[in-house]
């Protein structure tokens, strides 16, 4: 399904792409080939094939959360550059 320059220009404008004449010709050829391939796929007999969105089993790659013991206040403040009364001290960020 060959596309015209006008159709490719329209798609480029919708995508807010500024294409040179050379880029327009390249995109016309590439998009036309993509559409030809889609037309070829339309000819495949899929009778009896269930529509699917995912062909492999979904498996979470994230590890499960494991509850661990927390650090004590003294352990947390041990490396603090400045602390007082069990709290971090930081420089003020607002000026009066």
Protein backbone atom coordinates (compact mmCIF):
# COMPACT_ATOMS: atom_id res chain seq x y z
CA UNK A 1 0.00 0.00 0.00
CA UNK A 2 2.12 2.91 -1.23
CA UNK A 3 1.57 6.15 0.62
CA UNK A 4 1.61 9.57 -0.97
CA UNK A 5 3.86 12.42 0.11
CA UNK A 6 0.76 14.27 1.29
CA UNK A 7 -0.23 11.40 3.60
CA UNK A 8 3.26 11.16 5.08
CA UNK A 9 3.40 14.95 5.49
CA UNK A 10 0.06 14.81 7.31
CA UNK A 11 1.29 12.09 9.69
CA UNK A 12 4.54 14.02 10.26
CA UNK A 13 2.58 17.19 11.02
CA UNK A 14 0.40 15.28 13.53
CA UNK A 15 3.57 13.97 15.19
CA UNK A 16 5.01 17.50 15.08
CA UNK A 17 7.97 16.36 12.99
CA UNK A 18 9.64 18.62 10.53
CA UNK A 19 10.88 16.47 7.67
CA UNK A 20 13.16 17.47 4.82
CA UNK A 21 12.32 16.29 1.31
CA UNK A 22 14.85 13.46 1.64
CA UNK A 23 13.43 12.39 5.02
CA UNK A 24 9.89 12.58 3.62
CA UNK A 25 10.83 10.22 0.77
CA UNK A 26 12.57 7.84 3.18
CA UNK A 27 9.58 7.82 5.57
CA UNK A 28 7.17 7.30 2.65
CA UNK A 29 9.10 4.21 1.54
CA UNK A 30 9.52 2.81 5.05
CA UNK A 31 5.90 3.37 6.09
CA UNK A 32 4.68 1.90 2.81
CA UNK A 33 6.74 -1.25 3.43
CA UNK A 34 5.32 -1.54 6.95
CA UNK A 35 1.78 -1.30 5.63
CA UNK A 36 2.54 -3.89 2.93
CA UNK A 37 3.77 -6.27 5.63
CA UNK A 38 0.61 -5.69 7.67
CA UNK A 39 -1.45 -6.51 4.57
CA UNK A 40 0.55 -9.74 4.22
CA UNK A 41 -0.22 -10.64 7.84
CA UNK A 42 -3.93 -10.11 7.14
CA UNK A 43 -3.78 -13.09 4.78
CA UNK A 44 -2.71 -15.53 7.52
CA UNK A 45 -5.43 -18.02 8.49
CA UNK A 46 -6.03 -17.61 12.21
CA UNK A 47 -9.16 -19.72 12.39
CA UNK A 48 -9.36 -21.30 15.84
CA UNK A 49 -6.61 -19.14 17.29
CA UNK A 50 -7.71 -17.35 20.44
CA UNK A 51 -6.87 -13.65 20.61
CA UNK A 52 -4.14 -13.05 23.16
CA UNK A 53 -2.42 -10.03 24.58
CA UNK A 54 0.36 -11.99 26.29
CA UNK A 55 1.84 -15.18 24.85
CA UNK A 56 4.13 -16.04 27.74
CA UNK A 57 3.24 -16.58 31.36
CA UNK A 58 3.48 -13.44 33.41
CA UNK A 59 6.02 -13.84 36.18
CA UNK A 60 7.00 -11.11 38.59
CA UNK A 61 10.73 -10.53 38.51
CA UNK A 62 10.56 -8.56 41.74
CA UNK A 63 11.50 -10.32 44.95
CA UNK A 64 8.91 -10.45 47.71
CA UNK A 65 9.22 -7.87 50.46
CA UNK A 66 10.96 -9.23 53.52
CA UNK A 67 10.51 -7.56 56.86
CA UNK A 68 13.84 -7.06 58.60
CA UNK A 69 14.78 -5.56 61.89
CA UNK A 70 15.19 -1.80 62.07
CA UNK A 71 18.28 0.06 63.23
CA UNK A 72 18.23 1.65 66.64
CA UNK A 73 18.27 5.42 66.95
CA UNK A 74 21.89 5.33 68.15
CA UNK A 75 22.92 3.23 65.12
CA UNK A 76 21.18 5.63 62.75
CA UNK A 77 22.73 8.72 64.30
CA UNK A 78 26.21 7.16 64.67
CA UNK A 79 27.43 8.58 61.31
CA UNK A 80 25.46 11.82 61.39
CA UNK A 81 27.76 14.82 60.92
CA UNK A 82 25.66 16.84 63.40
CA UNK A 83 23.02 15.58 65.83
CA UNK A 84 21.53 16.69 69.10
CA UNK A 85 18.92 15.23 71.43
CA UNK A 86 18.53 12.12 69.27
CA UNK A 87 17.79 14.07 66.07
CA UNK A 88 19.67 15.10 62.95
CA UNK A 89 20.70 18.75 62.86
CA UNK A 90 20.70 20.47 59.49
CA UNK A 91 21.47 23.96 58.37
CA UNK A 92 18.43 26.20 57.99
CA UNK A 93 17.21 26.58 54.42
CA UNK A 94 15.08 29.67 54.98
CA UNK A 95 16.43 33.10 55.75
CA UNK A 96 14.50 35.54 57.93
